[in-house]
C-alpha atoms as a PDB file:
ATOM      1  CA  UNK A   1      -0.196  -0.032  -0.138  1.00  0.00           C
ATOM      2  CA  UNK A   2       1.251   3.506  -0.656  1.00  0.00           C
ATOM      3  CA  UNK A   3       3.031   4.954   2.228  1.00  0.00           C
ATOM      4  CA  UNK A   4       1.223   8.368   2.097  1.00  0.00           C
ATOM      5  CA  UNK A   5      -2.015   6.144   2.574  1.00  0.00           C
ATOM      6  CA  UNK A   6      -0.152   4.431   5.627  1.00  0.00           C
ATOM      7  CA  UNK A   7       0.931   7.837   7.140  1.00  0.00           C
ATOM      8  CA  UNK A   8      -2.876   8.995   6.880  1.00  0.00           C
ATOM      9  CA  UNK A   9      -4.254   6.110   8.545  1.00  0.00           C
ATOM     10  CA  UNK A  10      -1.627   6.412  11.259  1.00  0.00           C
ATOM     11  CA  UNK A  11      -2.622  10.031  11.801  1.00  0.00           C
ATOM     12  CA  UNK A  12      -6.356   9.244  11.821  1.00  0.00           C
ATOM     13  CA  UNK A  13      -5.854   6.485  14.306  1.00  0.00           C
ATOM     14  CA  UNK A  14      -4.769   8.932  16.651  1.00  0.00           C
ATOM     15  CA  UNK A  15      -7.632  11.396  16.483  1.00  0.00           C
ATOM     16  CA  UNK A  16      -9.345  11.137  19.657  1.00  0.00           C
ATOM     17  CA  UNK A  17     -13.189  10.416  20.571  1.00  0.00           C
ATOM     18  CA  UNK A  18     -14.791  13.863  20.638  1.00  0.00           C
ATOM     19  CA  UNK A  19     -12.570  15.518  18.198  1.00  0.00           C
ATOM     20  CA  UNK A  20     -12.493  15.800  14.574  1.00  0.00           C
ATOM     21  CA  UNK A  21      -9.832  16.749  11.850  1.00  0.00           C
ATOM     22  CA  UNK A  22     -10.380  18.042   8.438  1.00  0.00           C
ATOM     23  CA  UNK A  23      -9.081  16.425   5.193  1.00  0.00           C
ATOM     24  CA  UNK A  24      -6.831  19.369   4.411  1.00  0.00           C
ATOM     25  CA  UNK A  25      -5.516  19.612   8.172  1.00  0.00           C
ATOM     26  CA  UNK A  26      -4.385  16.081   7.710  1.00  0.00           C
ATOM     27  CA  UNK A  27      -2.573  16.778   4.707  1.00  0.00           C
ATOM     28  CA  UNK A  28      -0.800  19.739   6.104  1.00  0.00           C
ATOM     29  CA  UNK A  29       0.168  17.745   9.214  1.00  0.00           C
ATOM     30  CA  UNK A  30       1.829  15.325   6.610  1.00  0.00           C
ATOM     31  CA  UNK A  31       3.667  17.993   4.844  1.00  0.00           C
ATOM     32  CA  UNK A  32       1.411  17.994   2.054  1.00  0.00           C
ATOM     33  CA  UNK A  33      -0.397  21.268   2.258  1.00  0.00           C
ATOM     34  CA  UNK A  34      -2.261  21.082  -0.929  1.00  0.00           C
ATOM     35  CA  UNK A  35      -3.035  17.286  -0.427  1.00  0.00           C
ATOM     36  CA  UNK A  36      -6.578  17.141   0.917  1.00  0.00           C
ATOM     37  CA  UNK A  37      -7.907  15.284  -2.090  1.00  0.00           C
ATOM     38  CA  UNK A  38      -5.228  12.664  -1.816  1.00  0.00           C
ATOM     39  CA  UNK A  39      -6.294  12.340   1.934  1.00  0.00           C
ATOM     40  CA  UNK A  40      -9.791  11.795   0.683  1.00  0.00           C
ATOM     41  CA  UNK A  41      -8.574   9.086  -1.748  1.00  0.00           C
ATOM     42  CA  UNK A  42      -6.935   7.412   1.248  1.00  0.00           C
ATOM     43  CA  UNK A  43      -9.841   7.499   3.437  1.00  0.00           C
ATOM     44  CA  UNK A  44     -12.035   5.922   0.662  1.00  0.00           C
ATOM     45  CA  UNK A  45      -9.840   2.869   1.049  1.00  0.00           C
ATOM     46  CA  UNK A  46      -9.366   3.141   4.755  1.00  0.00           C
ATOM     47  CA  UNK A  47      -8.975  -0.265   6.710  1.00  0.00           C
ATOM     48  CA  UNK A  48     -11.464  -1.451   9.212  1.00  0.00           C
ATOM     49  CA  UNK A  49     -11.220  -0.075  12.584  1.00  0.00           C
ATOM     50  CA  UNK A  50      -9.984   3.592  11.787  1.00  0.00           C
ATOM     51  CA  UNK A  51     -12.288   6.358  13.115  1.00  0.00           C
ATOM     52  CA  UNK A  52     -13.224   7.560   9.857  1.00  0.00           C
ATOM     53  CA  UNK A  53     -16.255   9.271  10.817  1.00  0.00           C
ATOM     54  CA  UNK A  54     -13.668  11.826  12.448  1.00  0.00           C
ATOM     55  CA  UNK A  55     -12.570  13.281   9.116  1.00  0.00           C
ATOM     56  CA  UNK A  56     -14.515  16.080   7.796  1.00  0.00           C
ATOM     57  CA  UNK A  57     -14.365  18.960   5.099  1.00  0.00           C
ATOM     58  CA  UNK A  58     -12.857  22.057   5.824  1.00  0.00           C
ATOM     59  CA  UNK A  59     -16.035  23.809   6.576  1.00  0.00           C
ATOM     60  CA  UNK A  60     -17.388  21.025   8.847  1.00  0.00           C
ATOM     61  CA  UNK A  61     -19.361  19.520   6.414  1.00  0.00           C
ATOM     62  CA  UNK A  62     -19.812  15.726   6.440  1.00  0.00           C
ATOM     63  CA  UNK A  63     -19.233  13.805   3.368  1.00  0.00           C
ATOM     64  CA  UNK A  64     -19.080   9.935   2.762  1.00  0.00           C
ATOM     65  CA  UNK A  65     -20.722   8.589  -0.537  1.00  0.00           C
ATOM     66  CA  UNK A  66     -23.984   7.879   0.985  1.00  0.00           C
ATOM     67  CA  UNK A  67     -22.821   7.454   4.686  1.00  0.00           C
ATOM     68  CA  UNK A  68     -23.559  10.881   5.831  1.00  0.00           C
ATOM     69  CA  UNK A  69     -26.323  10.014   8.116  1.00  0.00           C
ATOM     70  CA  UNK A  70     -24.484   7.227   9.820  1.00  0.00           C
ATOM     71  CA  UNK A  71     -21.269   9.365  10.154  1.00  0.00           C
ATOM     72  CA  UNK A  72     -23.468  12.036  11.620  1.00  0.00           C
ATOM     73  CA  UNK A  73     -24.996   9.545  14.205  1.00  0.00           C
ATOM     74  CA  UNK A  74     -21.373   8.181  15.134  1.00  0.00           C
ATOM     75  CA  UNK A  75     -20.357  11.687  15.849  1.00  0.00           C
ATOM     76  CA  UNK A  76     -23.216  12.789  17.839  1.00  0.00           C
ATOM     77  CA  UNK A  77     -22.650   9.535  19.983  1.00  0.00           C
ATOM     78  CA  UNK A  78     -19.141  10.952  20.579  1.00  0.00           C
ATOM     79  CA  UNK A  79     -20.379  14.342  21.597  1.00  0.00           C
ATOM     80  CA  UNK A  80     -19.346  16.240  18.487  1.00  0.00           C
ATOM     81  CA  UNK A  81     -21.331  19.562  18.436  1.00  0.00           C
ATOM     82  CA  UNK A  82     -23.200  20.525  15.275  1.00  0.00           C
ATOM     83  CA  UNK A  83     -24.053  24.048  13.827  1.00  0.00           C
ATOM     84  CA  UNK A  84     -27.779  24.634  13.117  1.00  0.00           C
ATOM     85  CA  UNK A  85     -27.101  24.155   9.601  1.00  0.00           C
ATOM     86  CA  UNK A  86     -25.792  20.695  10.022  1.00  0.00           C
ATOM     87  CA  UNK A  87     -21.904  21.158   9.973  1.00  0.00           C
ATOM     88  CA  UNK A  88     -19.289  19.883  12.511  1.00  0.00           C
ATOM     89  CA  UNK A  89     -18.648  22.850  15.075  1.00  0.00           C
ATOM     90  CA  UNK A  90     -14.961  22.740  14.243  1.00  0.00           C
ATOM     91  CA  UNK A  91     -14.291  25.677  16.778  1.00  0.00           C
ATOM     92  CA  UNK A  92     -15.323  23.321  19.452  1.00  0.00           C
ATOM     93  CA  UNK A  93     -13.860  20.081  18.494  1.00  0.00           C
ATOM     94  CA  UNK A  94     -11.112  20.355  15.868  1.00  0.00           C
ATOM     95  CA  UNK A  95      -8.015  17.878  16.838  1.00  0.00           C
ATOM     96  CA  UNK A  96      -4.956  19.887  17.574  1.00  0.00           C
ATOM     97  CA  UNK A  97      -2.678  17.221  16.808  1.00  0.00           C
ATOM     98  CA  UNK A  98      -1.287  16.791  20.305  1.00  0.00           C
ATOM     99  CA  UNK A  99      -3.712  14.514  22.041  1.00  0.00           C
ATOM    100  CA  UNK A 100      -4.134  11.061  20.998  1.00  0.00           C
ATOM    101  CA  UNK A 101      -6.795   8.597  21.103  1.00  0.00           C
ATOM    102  CA  UNK A 102      -6.878   6.333  24.052  1.00  0.00           C
ATOM    103  CA  UNK A 103      -9.252   3.619  22.528  1.00  0.00           C
END
């Protein structure tokens, strides 16, 4: 598997419950500031067990090829706050990269 994909997966695995990260944020953290789309492609093929629901669009929108309702439900169960328009409240729950998951 592509080493970039592996790096994405390792980073996503660190996102703690109750936090989210954006595709662009993950790309930037991996040294590819214009690589949000590549992170998206990696997430389309992510292995089982990754907290895939914790990766959202730059504006807090949820994507997922038909899995948006499931993803929203999973995030709500983790305590992720949403704005009235349905986007994740990034100001309240964006992961800063320092804390790691304890799951």
